[in-house]
Amino acid sequence: AGEFAFADLPLGLYGISVKAPGFEILRISSVRVSTGAIYNLPVKL
């Protein structure tokens, strides 16, 4: 269904990279992981 999840990450800023065959690699920087929160990151390739 295209879903992904990273649970229980240490706090801080994260760089996200997404790659799939036939698509350009997508890079997103400075995604903040905060205490007890799940950051929703929709990705369009």
All heavy atoms as atom14 arrays in JSON, in Angstrom:
{
  "sequence": "AGEFAFADLPLGLYGISVKAPGFEILRISSVRVSTGAIYNLPVKL",
  "atom14_mask": [
    [1, 1, 1, 1, 1, 0, 0, 0, 0, 0, 0, 0, 0, 0],
    [1, 1, 1, 1, 0, 0, 0, 0, 0, 0, 0, 0, 0, 0],
    [1, 1, 1, 1, 1, 1, 1, 1, 1, 0, 0, 0, 0, 0],
    [1, 1, 1, 1, 1, 1, 1, 1, 1, 1, 1, 0, 0, 0],
    [1, 1, 1, 1, 1, 0, 0, 0, 0, 0, 0, 0, 0, 0],
    [1, 1, 1, 1, 1, 1, 1, 1, 1, 1, 1, 0, 0, 0],
    [1, 1, 1, 1, 1, 0, 0, 0, 0, 0, 0, 0, 0, 0],
    [1, 1, 1, 1, 1, 1, 1, 1, 0, 0, 0, 0, 0, 0],
    [1, 1, 1, 1, 1, 1, 1, 1, 0, 0, 0, 0, 0, 0],
    [1, 1, 1, 1, 1, 1, 1, 0, 0, 0, 0, 0, 0, 0],
    [1, 1, 1, 1, 1, 1, 1, 1, 0, 0, 0, 0, 0, 0],
    [1, 1, 1, 1, 0, 0, 0, 0, 0, 0, 0, 0, 0, 0],
    [1, 1, 1, 1, 1, 1, 1, 1, 0, 0, 0, 0, 0, 0],
    [1, 1, 1, 1, 1, 1, 1, 1, 1, 1, 1, 1, 0, 0],
    [1, 1, 1, 1, 0, 0, 0, 0, 0, 0, 0, 0, 0, 0],
    [1, 1, 1, 1, 1, 1, 1, 1, 0, 0, 0, 0, 0, 0],
    [1, 1, 1, 1, 1, 1, 0, 0, 0, 0, 0, 0, 0, 0],
    [1, 1, 1, 1, 1, 1, 1, 0, 0, 0, 0, 0, 0, 0],
    [1, 1, 1, 1, 1, 1, 1, 1, 1, 0, 0, 0, 0, 0],
    [1, 1, 1, 1, 1, 0, 0, 0, 0, 0, 0, 0, 0, 0],
    [1, 1, 1, 1, 1, 1, 1, 0, 0, 0, 0, 0, 0, 0],
    [1, 1, 1, 1, 0, 0, 0, 0, 0, 0, 0, 0, 0, 0],
    [1, 1, 1, 1, 1, 1, 1, 1, 1, 1, 1, 0, 0, 0],
    [1, 1, 1, 1, 1, 1, 1, 1, 1, 0, 0, 0, 0, 0],
    [1, 1, 1, 1, 1, 1, 1, 1, 0, 0, 0, 0, 0, 0],
    [1, 1, 1, 1, 1, 1, 1, 1, 0, 0, 0, 0, 0, 0],
    [1, 1, 1, 1, 1, 1, 1, 1, 1, 1, 1, 0, 0, 0],
    [1, 1, 1, 1, 1, 1, 1, 1, 0, 0, 0, 0, 0, 0],
    [1, 1, 1, 1, 1, 1, 0, 0, 0, 0, 0, 0, 0, 0],
    [1, 1, 1, 1, 1, 1, 0, 0, 0, 0, 0, 0, 0, 0],
    [1, 1, 1, 1, 1, 1, 1, 0, 0, 0, 0, 0, 0, 0],
    [1, 1, 1, 1, 1, 1, 1, 1, 1, 1, 1, 0, 0, 0],
    [1, 1, 1, 1, 1, 1, 1, 0, 0, 0, 0, 0, 0, 0],
    [1, 1, 1, 1, 1, 1, 0, 0, 0, 0, 0, 0, 0, 0],
    [1, 1, 1, 1, 1, 1, 1, 0, 0, 0, 0, 0, 0, 0],
    [1, 1, 1, 1, 0, 0, 0, 0, 0, 0, 0, 0, 0, 0],
    [1, 1, 1, 1, 1, 0, 0, 0, 0, 0, 0, 0, 0, 0],
    [1, 1, 1, 1, 1, 1, 1, 1, 0, 0, 0, 0, 0, 0],
    [1, 1, 1, 1, 1, 1, 1, 1, 1, 1, 1, 1, 0, 0],
    [1, 1, 1, 1, 1, 1, 1, 1, 0, 0, 0, 0, 0, 0],
    [1, 1, 1, 1, 1, 1, 1, 1, 0, 0, 0, 0, 0, 0],
    [1, 1, 1, 1, 1, 1, 1, 0, 0, 0, 0, 0, 0, 0],
    [1, 1, 1, 1, 1, 1, 1, 0, 0, 0, 0, 0, 0, 0],
    [1, 1, 1, 1, 1, 1, 1, 1, 1, 0, 0, 0, 0, 0],
    [1, 1, 1, 1, 1, 1, 1, 1, 0, 0, 0, 0, 0, 0]
  ],
  "atom14_positions": [
    [[0.82, -1.21, 0.0], [0.0, 0.0, 0.0], [0.86, 1.26, 0.0], [0.35, 2.37, 0.12], [-0.93, 0.0, 1.21], [0.0, 0.0, 0.0], [0.0, 0.0, 0.0], [0.0, 0.0, 0.0], [0.0, 0.0, 0.0], [0.0, 0.0, 0.0], [0.0, 0.0, 0.0], [0.0, 0.0, 0.0], [0.0, 0.0, 0.0], [0.0, 0.0, 0.0]],
    [[2.19, 1.11, -0.1], [3.11, 2.25, -0.12], [3.47, 2.79, 1.25], [4.2, 3.77, 1.36], [0.0, 0.0, 0.0], [0.0, 0.0, 0.0], [0.0, 0.0, 0.0], [0.0, 0.0, 0.0], [0.0, 0.0, 0.0], [0.0, 0.0, 0.0], [0.0, 0.0, 0.0], [0.0, 0.0, 0.0], [0.0, 0.0, 0.0], [0.0, 0.0, 0.0]],
    [[2.98, 2.17, 2.31], [3.2, 2.69, 3.66], [4.58, 2.32, 4.21], [5.1, 1.24, 3.93], [2.13, 2.14, 4.61], [0.73, 2.53, 4.2], [-0.34, 1.76, 4.93], [-0.08, 0.58, 5.33], [-1.43, 2.3, 5.11], [0.0, 0.0, 0.0], [0.0, 0.0, 0.0], [0.0, 0.0, 0.0], [0.0, 0.0, 0.0], [0.0, 0.0, 0.0]],
    [[5.15, 3.24, 4.97], [6.4, 2.97, 5.67], [6.33, 3.61, 7.04], [5.54, 4.53, 7.27], [7.62, 3.51, 4.89], [7.69, 5.02, 4.85], [8.39, 5.73, 5.81], [7.05, 5.72, 3.85], [8.45, 7.12, 5.77], [7.09, 7.11, 3.8], [7.8, 7.81, 4.76], [0.0, 0.0, 0.0], [0.0, 0.0, 0.0], [0.0, 0.0, 0.0]],
    [[7.15, 3.11, 7.96], [7.17, 3.69, 9.31], [8.51, 3.42, 9.98], [9.09, 2.34, 9.84], [6.05, 3.1, 10.16], [0.0, 0.0, 0.0], [0.0, 0.0, 0.0], [0.0, 0.0, 0.0], [0.0, 0.0, 0.0], [0.0, 0.0, 0.0], [0.0, 0.0, 0.0], [0.0, 0.0, 0.0], [0.0, 0.0, 0.0], [0.0, 0.0, 0.0]],
    [[8.98, 4.44, 10.67], [10.14, 4.32, 11.55], [9.63, 4.67, 12.93], [9.26, 5.82, 13.19], [11.25, 5.3, 11.16], [11.84, 5.04, 9.8], [11.47, 5.8, 8.71], [12.77, 4.03, 9.62], [12.01, 5.56, 7.46], [13.32, 3.78, 8.38], [12.94, 4.55, 7.29], [0.0, 0.0, 0.0], [0.0, 0.0, 0.0], [0.0, 0.0, 0.0]],
    [[9.58, 3.7, 13.81], [9.1, 3.94, 15.17], [10.3, 3.97, 16.11], [11.35, 3.4, 15.82], [8.14, 2.84, 15.58], [0.0, 0.0, 0.0], [0.0, 0.0, 0.0], [0.0, 0.0, 0.0], [0.0, 0.0, 0.0], [0.0, 0.0, 0.0], [0.0, 0.0, 0.0], [0.0, 0.0, 0.0], [0.0, 0.0, 0.0], [0.0, 0.0, 0.0]],
    [[10.13, 4.64, 17.22], [11.12, 4.62, 18.29], [12.49, 5.16, 17.86], [13.52, 4.59, 18.17], [11.24, 3.2, 18.85], [11.74, 3.18, 20.29], [11.48, 4.16, 21.01], [12.41, 2.21, 20.68], [0.0, 0.0, 0.0], [0.0, 0.0, 0.0], [0.0, 0.0, 0.0], [0.0, 0.0, 0.0], [0.0, 0.0, 0.0], [0.0, 0.0, 0.0]],
    [[12.47, 6.28, 17.11], [13.71, 6.92, 16.7], [14.21, 7.88, 17.77], [13.4, 8.56, 18.41], [13.5, 7.73, 15.41], [13.19, 6.98, 14.13], [12.85, 7.96, 13.02], [14.36, 6.1, 13.74], [0.0, 0.0, 0.0], [0.0, 0.0, 0.0], [0.0, 0.0, 0.0], [0.0, 0.0, 0.0], [0.0, 0.0, 0.0], [0.0, 0.0, 0.0]],
    [[15.52, 7.97, 17.95], [16.05, 9.01, 18.84], [15.68, 10.4, 18.31], [15.54, 10.6, 17.09], [17.57, 8.8, 18.78], [17.74, 7.38, 18.36], [16.58, 7.09, 17.45], [0.0, 0.0, 0.0], [0.0, 0.0, 0.0], [0.0, 0.0, 0.0], [0.0, 0.0, 0.0], [0.0, 0.0, 0.0], [0.0, 0.0, 0.0], [0.0, 0.0, 0.0]],
    [[15.52, 11.35, 19.2], [15.12, 12.71, 18.81], [16.19, 13.36, 17.95], [17.38, 13.05, 18.07], [14.87, 13.56, 20.06], [13.86, 13.0, 21.05], [13.69, 13.94, 22.22], [12.53, 12.72, 20.38], [0.0, 0.0, 0.0], [0.0, 0.0, 0.0], [0.0, 0.0, 0.0], [0.0, 0.0, 0.0], [0.0, 0.0, 0.0], [0.0, 0.0, 0.0]],
    [[15.75, 14.27, 17.08], [16.7, 15.0, 16.25], [16.17, 15.25, 14.86], [15.0, 15.01, 14.56], [0.0, 0.0, 0.0], [0.0, 0.0, 0.0], [0.0, 0.0, 0.0], [0.0, 0.0, 0.0], [0.0, 0.0, 0.0], [0.0, 0.0, 0.0], [0.0, 0.0, 0.0], [0.0, 0.0, 0.0], [0.0, 0.0, 0.0], [0.0, 0.0, 0.0]],
    [[17.06, 15.74, 14.0], [16.73, 15.99, 12.61], [17.21, 14.82, 11.76], [18.31, 14.3, 11.97], [17.39, 17.28, 12.12], [16.91, 18.56, 12.79], [17.72, 19.75, 12.29], [15.43, 18.78, 12.55], [0.0, 0.0, 0.0], [0.0, 0.0, 0.0], [0.0, 0.0, 0.0], [0.0, 0.0, 0.0], [0.0, 0.0, 0.0], [0.0, 0.0, 0.0]],
    [[16.38, 14.42, 10.8], [16.68, 13.29, 9.95], [16.62, 13.68, 8.48], [15.76, 14.47, 8.07], [15.69, 12.13, 10.2], [15.97, 11.42, 11.49], [15.57, 11.95, 12.7], [16.68, 10.22, 11.5], [15.85, 11.31, 13.9], [16.96, 9.57, 12.69], [16.54, 10.12, 13.88], [16.83, 9.48, 15.05], [0.0, 0.0, 0.0], [0.0, 0.0, 0.0]],
    [[17.52, 13.1, 7.7], [17.45, 13.17, 6.26], [16.78, 11.91, 5.77], [17.1, 10.81, 6.23], [0.0, 0.0, 0.0], [0.0, 0.0, 0.0], [0.0, 0.0, 0.0], [0.0, 0.0, 0.0], [0.0, 0.0, 0.0], [0.0, 0.0, 0.0], [0.0, 0.0, 0.0], [0.0, 0.0, 0.0], [0.0, 0.0, 0.0], [0.0, 0.0, 0.0]],
    [[15.82, 12.06, 4.88], [15.07, 10.91, 4.35], [15.42, 10.76, 2.88], [15.42, 11.74, 2.13], [13.55, 11.12, 4.49], [13.17, 11.48, 5.94], [12.78, 9.91, 3.99], [13.48, 10.41, 6.95], [0.0, 0.0, 0.0], [0.0, 0.0, 0.0], [0.0, 0.0, 0.0], [0.0, 0.0, 0.0], [0.0, 0.0, 0.0], [0.0, 0.0, 0.0]],
    [[15.71, 9.53, 2.46], [15.9, 9.25, 1.04], [14.97, 8.11, 0.66], [14.78, 7.17, 1.44], [17.35, 8.92, 0.7], [17.73, 7.7, 1.27], [0.0, 0.0, 0.0], [0.0, 0.0, 0.0], [0.0, 0.0, 0.0], [0.0, 0.0, 0.0], [0.0, 0.0, 0.0], [0.0, 0.0, 0.0], [0.0, 0.0, 0.0], [0.0, 0.0, 0.0]],
    [[14.38, 8.23, -0.52], [13.44, 7.22, -1.01], [13.83, 6.88, -2.44], [13.98, 7.78, -3.27], [11.98, 7.74, -0.97], [11.02, 6.65, -1.41], [11.62, 8.25, 0.42], [0.0, 0.0, 0.0], [0.0, 0.0, 0.0], [0.0, 0.0, 0.0], [0.0, 0.0, 0.0], [0.0, 0.0, 0.0], [0.0, 0.0, 0.0], [0.0, 0.0, 0.0]],
    [[14.0, 5.58, -2.7], [14.29, 5.19, -4.06], [13.53, 3.93, -4.42], [13.28, 3.06, -3.56], [15.78, 5.03, -4.3], [16.45, 3.86, -3.65], [17.93, 3.82, -4.03], [18.61, 2.6, -3.47], [20.0, 2.51, -3.91], [0.0, 0.0, 0.0], [0.0, 0.0, 0.0], [0.0, 0.0, 0.0], [0.0, 0.0, 0.0], [0.0, 0.0, 0.0]],
    [[13.13, 3.88, -5.68], [12.41, 2.73, -6.22], [12.77, 2.63, -7.7], [13.01, 3.66, -8.35], [10.9, 2.91, -6.03], [0.0, 0.0, 0.0], [0.0, 0.0, 0.0], [0.0, 0.0, 0.0], [0.0, 0.0, 0.0], [0.0, 0.0, 0.0], [0.0, 0.0, 0.0], [0.0, 0.0, 0.0], [0.0, 0.0, 0.0], [0.0, 0.0, 0.0]],
    [[12.81, 1.41, -8.23], [13.14, 1.25, -9.64], [12.19, 2.04, -10.55], [10.98, 2.04, -10.34], [12.97, -0.26, -9.88], [13.11, -0.87, -8.52], [12.58, 0.14, -7.57], [0.0, 0.0, 0.0], [0.0, 0.0, 0.0], [0.0, 0.0, 0.0], [0.0, 0.0, 0.0], [0.0, 0.0, 0.0], [0.0, 0.0, 0.0], [0.0, 0.0, 0.0]],
    [[12.77, 2.76, -11.51], [11.97, 3.53, -12.46], [11.64, 4.94, -11.99], [11.01, 5.7, -12.71], [0.0, 0.0, 0.0], [0.0, 0.0, 0.0], [0.0, 0.0, 0.0], [0.0, 0.0, 0.0], [0.0, 0.0, 0.0], [0.0, 0.0, 0.0], [0.0, 0.0, 0.0], [0.0, 0.0, 0.0], [0.0, 0.0, 0.0], [0.0, 0.0, 0.0]],
    [[12.06, 5.29, -10.76], [11.75, 6.6, -10.2], [13.04, 7.33, -9.82], [14.06, 6.71, -9.53], [10.87, 6.48, -8.94], [9.5, 5.96, -9.22], [9.22, 4.61, -9.09], [8.49, 6.82, -9.62], [7.96, 4.11, -9.34], [7.21, 6.33, -9.87], [6.95, 4.97, -9.75], [0.0, 0.0, 0.0], [0.0, 0.0, 0.0], [0.0, 0.0, 0.0]],
    [[12.98, 8.65, -9.82], [14.11, 9.45, -9.35], [14.23, 9.3, -7.84], [13.22, 9.15, -7.14], [13.91, 10.92, -9.71], [13.99, 11.2, -11.19], [13.83, 12.68, -11.52], [13.79, 13.53, -10.6], [13.74, 12.98, -12.72], [0.0, 0.0, 0.0], [0.0, 0.0, 0.0], [0.0, 0.0, 0.0], [0.0, 0.0, 0.0], [0.0, 0.0, 0.0]],
    [[15.45, 9.35, -7.34], [15.67, 9.29, -5.89], [15.2, 10.61, -5.28], [15.53, 11.69, -5.8], [17.14, 9.04, -5.55], [17.58, 7.66, -6.08], [17.38, 9.13, -4.04], [19.06, 7.39, -5.95], [0.0, 0.0, 0.0], [0.0, 0.0, 0.0], [0.0, 0.0, 0.0], [0.0, 0.0, 0.0], [0.0, 0.0, 0.0], [0.0, 0.0, 0.0]],
    [[14.43, 10.53, -4.23], [13.94, 11.72, -3.54], [14.67, 11.86, -2.22], [14.79, 10.89, -1.46], [12.43, 11.61, -3.28], [11.79, 12.76, -2.51], [11.83, 14.04, -3.36], [10.36, 12.43, -2.14], [0.0, 0.0, 0.0], [0.0, 0.0, 0.0], [0.0, 0.0, 0.0], [0.0, 0.0, 0.0], [0.0, 0.0, 0.0], [0.0, 0.0, 0.0]],
    [[15.18, 13.06, -1.96], [15.86, 13.35, -0.69], [15.16, 14.51, 0.0], [14.91, 15.54, -0.63], [17.33, 13.66, -0.94], [18.13, 12.46, -1.38], [19.62, 12.78, -1.53], [20.38, 11.59, -1.82], [20.55, 11.08, -3.05], [19.97, 11.68, -4.07], [21.27, 10.0, -3.23], [0.0, 0.0, 0.0], [0.0, 0.0, 0.0], [0.0, 0.0, 0.0]],
    [[14.91, 14.32, 1.28], [14.27, 15.35, 2.1], [15.15, 15.54, 3.32], [15.51, 14.57, 3.99], [12.85, 14.93, 2.52], [11.99, 14.62, 1.29], [12.2, 16.0, 3.39], [10.71, 13.89, 1.6], [0.0, 0.0, 0.0], [0.0, 0.0, 0.0], [0.0, 0.0, 0.0], [0.0, 0.0, 0.0], [0.0, 0.0, 0.0], [0.0, 0.0, 0.0]],
    [[15.5, 16.79, 3.63], [16.37, 17.03, 4.79], [15.6, 17.68, 5.92], [14.51, 18.23, 5.73], [17.57, 17.89, 4.4], [17.13, 19.14, 3.93], [0.0, 0.0, 0.0], [0.0, 0.0, 0.0], [0.0, 0.0, 0.0], [0.0, 0.0, 0.0], [0.0, 0.0, 0.0], [0.0, 0.0, 0.0], [0.0, 0.0, 0.0], [0.0, 0.0, 0.0]],
    [[16.17, 17.6, 7.09], [15.69, 18.28, 8.3], [14.27, 17.91, 8.72], [13.47, 18.77, 9.08], [15.82, 19.8, 8.14], [17.16, 20.15, 7.9], [0.0, 0.0, 0.0], [0.0, 0.0, 0.0], [0.0, 0.0, 0.0], [0.0, 0.0, 0.0], [0.0, 0.0, 0.0], [0.0, 0.0, 0.0], [0.0, 0.0, 0.0], [0.0, 0.0, 0.0]],
    [[13.97, 16.63, 8.69], [12.68, 16.15, 9.21], [12.86, 15.97, 10.71], [13.69, 15.18, 11.15], [12.25, 14.83, 8.54], [10.97, 14.3, 9.18], [12.08, 15.03, 7.04], [0.0, 0.0, 0.0], [0.0, 0.0, 0.0], [0.0, 0.0, 0.0], [0.0, 0.0, 0.0], [0.0, 0.0, 0.0], [0.0, 0.0, 0.0], [0.0, 0.0, 0.0]],
    [[12.1, 16.71, 11.5], [12.28, 16.71, 12.96], [11.5, 15.58, 13.62], [10.3, 15.43, 13.42], [11.85, 18.03, 13.56], [12.06, 18.09, 15.08], [11.83, 19.45, 15.67], [12.7, 20.47, 15.11], [13.99, 20.65, 15.44], [14.55, 19.86, 16.33], [14.7, 21.61, 14.88], [0.0, 0.0, 0.0], [0.0, 0.0, 0.0], [0.0, 0.0, 0.0]],
    [[12.21, 14.8, 14.43], [11.59, 13.79, 15.28], [11.51, 14.37, 16.68], [12.52, 14.73, 17.27], [12.4, 12.47, 15.27], [11.86, 11.5, 16.31], [12.38, 11.85, 13.88], [0.0, 0.0, 0.0], [0.0, 0.0, 0.0], [0.0, 0.0, 0.0], [0.0, 0.0, 0.0], [0.0, 0.0, 0.0], [0.0, 0.0, 0.0], [0.0, 0.0, 0.0]],
    [[10.28, 14.5, 17.17], [10.01, 15.12, 18.47], [9.52, 14.08, 19.47], [8.99, 13.04, 19.09], [8.96, 16.22, 18.33], [9.39, 17.19, 17.41], [0.0, 0.0, 0.0], [0.0, 0.0, 0.0], [0.0, 0.0, 0.0], [0.0, 0.0, 0.0], [0.0, 0.0, 0.0], [0.0, 0.0, 0.0], [0.0, 0.0, 0.0], [0.0, 0.0, 0.0]],
    [[9.6, 14.41, 20.72], [9.22, 13.52, 21.81], [7.78, 13.03, 21.67], [6.86, 13.83, 21.61], [9.37, 14.24, 23.16], [10.71, 14.69, 23.3], [9.01, 13.34, 24.32], [0.0, 0.0, 0.0], [0.0, 0.0, 0.0], [0.0, 0.0, 0.0], [0.0, 0.0, 0.0], [0.0, 0.0, 0.0], [0.0, 0.0, 0.0], [0.0, 0.0, 0.0]],
    [[7.62, 11.72, 21.59], [6.31, 11.09, 21.59], [5.46, 11.37, 20.37], [4.29, 11.03, 20.36], [0.0, 0.0, 0.0], [0.0, 0.0, 0.0], [0.0, 0.0, 0.0], [0.0, 0.0, 0.0], [0.0, 0.0, 0.0], [0.0, 0.0, 0.0], [0.0, 0.0, 0.0], [0.0, 0.0, 0.0], [0.0, 0.0, 0.0], [0.0, 0.0, 0.0]],
    [[6.01, 11.96, 19.32], [5.23, 12.32, 18.13], [5.64, 11.47, 16.93], [6.78, 11.05, 16.81], [5.41, 13.8, 17.8], [0.0, 0.0, 0.0], [0.0, 0.0, 0.0], [0.0, 0.0, 0.0], [0.0, 0.0, 0.0], [0.0, 0.0, 0.0], [0.0, 0.0, 0.0], [0.0, 0.0, 0.0], [0.0, 0.0, 0.0], [0.0, 0.0, 0.0]],
    [[4.68, 11.24, 16.04], [4.94, 10.58, 14.77], [4.77, 11.62, 13.67], [3.68, 12.16, 13.49], [3.97, 9.4, 14.52], [4.02, 8.39, 15.67], [4.27, 8.74, 13.18], [5.33, 7.68, 15.84], [0.0, 0.0, 0.0], [0.0, 0.0, 0.0], [0.0, 0.0, 0.0], [0.0, 0.0, 0.0], [0.0, 0.0, 0.0], [0.0, 0.0, 0.0]],
    [[5.84, 11.93, 12.98], [5.79, 12.91, 11.89], [5.26, 12.22, 10.65], [5.78, 11.2, 10.22], [7.2, 13.47, 11.64], [7.23, 14.58, 10.62], [7.05, 15.9, 11.02], [7.42, 14.31, 9.28], [7.07, 16.93, 10.09], [7.44, 15.33, 8.34], [7.27, 16.63, 8.76], [7.28, 17.65, 7.83], [0.0, 0.0, 0.0], [0.0, 0.0, 0.0]],
    [[4.19, 12.77, 10.05], [3.6, 12.21, 8.84], [4.28, 12.82, 7.63], [4.23, 14.03, 7.43], [2.09, 12.49, 8.82], [1.45, 11.86, 7.6], [1.9, 10.84, 7.08], [0.38, 12.48, 7.12], [0.0, 0.0, 0.0], [0.0, 0.0, 0.0], [0.0, 0.0, 0.0], [0.0, 0.0, 0.0], [0.0, 0.0, 0.0], [0.0, 0.0, 0.0]],
    [[4.92, 11.98, 6.82], [5.69, 12.45, 5.68], [5.18, 11.8, 4.39], [5.59, 10.69, 4.04], [7.17, 12.11, 5.88], [8.12, 12.57, 4.8], [8.22, 14.1, 4.78], [9.49, 11.97, 5.02], [0.0, 0.0, 0.0], [0.0, 0.0, 0.0], [0.0, 0.0, 0.0], [0.0, 0.0, 0.0], [0.0, 0.0, 0.0], [0.0, 0.0, 0.0]],
    [[4.26, 12.47, 3.68], [3.83, 11.91, 2.4], [4.96, 12.08, 1.38], [5.61, 13.11, 1.33], [2.61, 12.76, 2.03], [2.74, 14.01, 2.83], [3.59, 13.7, 4.03], [0.0, 0.0, 0.0], [0.0, 0.0, 0.0], [0.0, 0.0, 0.0], [0.0, 0.0, 0.0], [0.0, 0.0, 0.0], [0.0, 0.0, 0.0], [0.0, 0.0, 0.0]],
    [[5.2, 11.03, 0.58], [6.3, 11.04, -0.38], [5.73, 10.81, -1.78], [5.02, 9.82, -2.0], [7.32, 9.94, -0.05], [8.39, 9.85, -1.11], [7.93, 10.17, 1.32], [0.0, 0.0, 0.0], [0.0, 0.0, 0.0], [0.0, 0.0, 0.0], [0.0, 0.0, 0.0], [0.0, 0.0, 0.0], [0.0, 0.0, 0.0], [0.0, 0.0, 0.0]],
    [[6.03, 11.72, -2.7], [5.58, 11.58, -4.09], [6.82, 11.47, -4.97], [7.62, 12.4, -5.04], [4.72, 12.77, -4.52], [4.11, 12.58, -5.9], [3.19, 13.72, -6.26], [1.89, 13.53, -5.49], [0.81, 14.4, -5.94], [0.0, 0.0, 0.0], [0.0, 0.0, 0.0], [0.0, 0.0, 0.0], [0.0, 0.0, 0.0], [0.0, 0.0, 0.0]],
    [[6.96, 10.32, -5.65], [8.11, 10.09, -6.51], [7.8, 10.48, -7.95], [6.68, 10.33, -8.42], [8.51, 8.61, -6.47], [8.97, 8.06, -5.11], [9.32, 6.59, -5.24], [10.14, 8.84, -4.58], [0.0, 0.0, 0.0], [0.0, 0.0, 0.0], [0.0, 0.0, 0.0], [0.0, 0.0, 0.0], [0.0, 0.0, 0.0], [0.0, 0.0, 0.0]]
  ]
}
